[in-house]
């Protein structure tokens, strides 16, 4: 969670408005009462887990982001960005 906050604060990670499930669940996750730097794992933290795996994969060099392969459609950039920390 802290790595995600750092990435978002530095403008290296953003969540688009169309990612409604992420926006509905991740920002409102409760903290773990025993470990305040972590979220309560009994909550619906599936999207945060998936995001954490992506971050861990990119830092380890296992996931390539930002490059399009030939024939892959580019998503339109609407300029709308949502950052919630």
C-alpha atoms as a PDB file:
ATOM      1  CA  UNK A   1       0.000   0.000   0.000  1.00  0.00           C
ATOM      2  CA  UNK A   2       2.822   2.406   0.810  1.00  0.00           C
ATOM      3  CA  UNK A   3       4.549   1.680  -2.522  1.00  0.00           C
ATOM      4  CA  UNK A   4       1.283   2.440  -4.307  1.00  0.00           C
ATOM      5  CA  UNK A   5       0.887   5.729  -2.417  1.00  0.00           C
ATOM      6  CA  UNK A   6       4.432   6.723  -3.357  1.00  0.00           C
ATOM      7  CA  UNK A   7       3.862   5.924  -7.027  1.00  0.00           C
ATOM      8  CA  UNK A   8       0.612   7.879  -7.056  1.00  0.00           C
ATOM      9  CA  UNK A   9       2.133  10.873  -5.275  1.00  0.00           C
ATOM     10  CA  UNK A  10       4.985  10.948  -7.818  1.00  0.00           C
ATOM     11  CA  UNK A  11       2.563  10.783 -10.759  1.00  0.00           C
ATOM     12  CA  UNK A  12       3.838   7.352 -11.797  1.00  0.00           C
ATOM     13  CA  UNK A  13       0.516   5.566 -11.216  1.00  0.00           C
ATOM     14  CA  UNK A  14      -2.967   6.861 -11.882  1.00  0.00           C
ATOM     15  CA  UNK A  15      -6.428   5.386 -11.975  1.00  0.00           C
ATOM     16  CA  UNK A  16      -8.730   6.316 -14.829  1.00  0.00           C
ATOM     17  CA  UNK A  17     -12.345   7.242 -14.151  1.00  0.00           C
ATOM     18  CA  UNK A  18     -13.519   4.142 -16.022  1.00  0.00           C
ATOM     19  CA  UNK A  19     -11.891   1.850 -13.418  1.00  0.00           C
ATOM     20  CA  UNK A  20     -15.014   1.984 -11.306  1.00  0.00           C
ATOM     21  CA  UNK A  21     -14.493  -1.246  -9.357  1.00  0.00           C
ATOM     22  CA  UNK A  22     -10.987  -0.155  -8.316  1.00  0.00           C
ATOM     23  CA  UNK A  23     -12.254   3.283  -7.294  1.00  0.00           C
ATOM     24  CA  UNK A  24     -15.185   1.784  -5.390  1.00  0.00           C
ATOM     25  CA  UNK A  25     -13.081  -0.616  -3.330  1.00  0.00           C
ATOM     26  CA  UNK A  26      -9.430   0.411  -2.911  1.00  0.00           C
ATOM     27  CA  UNK A  27      -9.718   3.966  -1.509  1.00  0.00           C
ATOM     28  CA  UNK A  28     -12.158   2.838   1.197  1.00  0.00           C
ATOM     29  CA  UNK A  29     -10.248  -0.218   2.434  1.00  0.00           C
ATOM     30  CA  UNK A  30      -9.990  -0.271   6.236  1.00  0.00           C
ATOM     31  CA  UNK A  31      -6.617  -0.494   7.993  1.00  0.00           C
ATOM     32  CA  UNK A  32      -5.600  -3.645   9.827  1.00  0.00           C
ATOM     33  CA  UNK A  33      -5.917  -2.863  13.556  1.00  0.00           C
ATOM     34  CA  UNK A  34      -2.785  -4.915  14.303  1.00  0.00           C
ATOM     35  CA  UNK A  35      -0.676  -3.565  11.422  1.00  0.00           C
ATOM     36  CA  UNK A  36      -1.662   0.045  10.672  1.00  0.00           C
ATOM     37  CA  UNK A  37       0.547   0.189   7.558  1.00  0.00           C
ATOM     38  CA  UNK A  38      -1.460  -2.657   6.001  1.00  0.00           C
ATOM     39  CA  UNK A  39      -5.117  -3.071   5.059  1.00  0.00           C
ATOM     40  CA  UNK A  40      -7.542  -5.434   6.734  1.00  0.00           C
ATOM     41  CA  UNK A  41      -7.272  -8.614   4.676  1.00  0.00           C
ATOM     42  CA  UNK A  42     -10.806  -9.657   5.611  1.00  0.00           C
ATOM     43  CA  UNK A  43     -12.095  -6.724   3.507  1.00  0.00           C
ATOM     44  CA  UNK A  44     -12.662  -6.858  -0.257  1.00  0.00           C
ATOM     45  CA  UNK A  45      -9.028  -6.214  -1.205  1.00  0.00           C
ATOM     46  CA  UNK A  46      -8.874  -8.103  -4.508  1.00  0.00           C
ATOM     47  CA  UNK A  47      -8.131  -5.053  -6.654  1.00  0.00           C
ATOM     48  CA  UNK A  48      -5.442  -3.853  -4.257  1.00  0.00           C
ATOM     49  CA  UNK A  49      -3.858  -7.314  -4.361  1.00  0.00           C
ATOM     50  CA  UNK A  50      -3.899  -7.302  -8.170  1.00  0.00           C
ATOM     51  CA  UNK A  51      -2.388  -3.812  -8.216  1.00  0.00           C
ATOM     52  CA  UNK A  52       0.297  -4.895  -5.755  1.00  0.00           C
ATOM     53  CA  UNK A  53       1.189  -7.876  -7.957  1.00  0.00           C
ATOM     54  CA  UNK A  54       1.512  -5.550 -10.953  1.00  0.00           C
ATOM     55  CA  UNK A  55       3.788  -3.183  -9.028  1.00  0.00           C
ATOM     56  CA  UNK A  56       5.912  -6.059  -7.733  1.00  0.00           C
ATOM     57  CA  UNK A  57       6.139  -7.532 -11.232  1.00  0.00           C
ATOM     58  CA  UNK A  58       7.229  -4.303 -12.856  1.00  0.00           C
ATOM     59  CA  UNK A  59       9.879  -3.668 -10.217  1.00  0.00           C
ATOM     60  CA  UNK A  60      11.245  -7.160 -10.779  1.00  0.00           C
ATOM     61  CA  UNK A  61      11.287  -6.748 -14.554  1.00  0.00           C
ATOM     62  CA  UNK A  62       8.609  -9.377 -15.191  1.00  0.00           C
ATOM     63  CA  UNK A  63       5.935  -7.075 -16.614  1.00  0.00           C
ATOM     64  CA  UNK A  64       6.434  -4.663 -19.489  1.00  0.00           C
ATOM     65  CA  UNK A  65       4.147  -1.639 -19.441  1.00  0.00           C
ATOM     66  CA  UNK A  66       3.794   1.373 -21.665  1.00  0.00           C
ATOM     67  CA  UNK A  67       4.775  -0.317 -24.931  1.00  0.00           C
ATOM     68  CA  UNK A  68       2.262  -1.331 -27.572  1.00  0.00           C
ATOM     69  CA  UNK A  69       2.789  -4.381 -29.702  1.00  0.00           C
ATOM     70  CA  UNK A  70       2.018  -4.220 -33.399  1.00  0.00           C
ATOM     71  CA  UNK A  71      -1.715  -4.398 -33.960  1.00  0.00           C
ATOM     72  CA  UNK A  72      -2.705  -3.569 -30.378  1.00  0.00           C
ATOM     73  CA  UNK A  73      -5.248  -0.742 -30.212  1.00  0.00           C
ATOM     74  CA  UNK A  74      -4.269   2.300 -28.171  1.00  0.00           C
ATOM     75  CA  UNK A  75      -6.772   3.432 -25.533  1.00  0.00           C
ATOM     76  CA  UNK A  76      -7.897   7.017 -26.092  1.00  0.00           C
ATOM     77  CA  UNK A  77      -6.344   9.502 -23.681  1.00  0.00           C
ATOM     78  CA  UNK A  78      -9.258  11.548 -22.368  1.00  0.00           C
ATOM     79  CA  UNK A  79      -7.043  13.576 -20.057  1.00  0.00           C
ATOM     80  CA  UNK A  80      -9.195  12.579 -17.098  1.00  0.00           C
ATOM     81  CA  UNK A  81      -7.120  11.305 -14.204  1.00  0.00           C
ATOM     82  CA  UNK A  82      -8.203  10.318 -10.720  1.00  0.00           C
ATOM     83  CA  UNK A  83      -5.669  10.056  -7.945  1.00  0.00           C
ATOM     84  CA  UNK A  84      -6.849   9.083  -4.494  1.00  0.00           C
ATOM     85  CA  UNK A  85      -4.399   8.399  -1.723  1.00  0.00           C
END
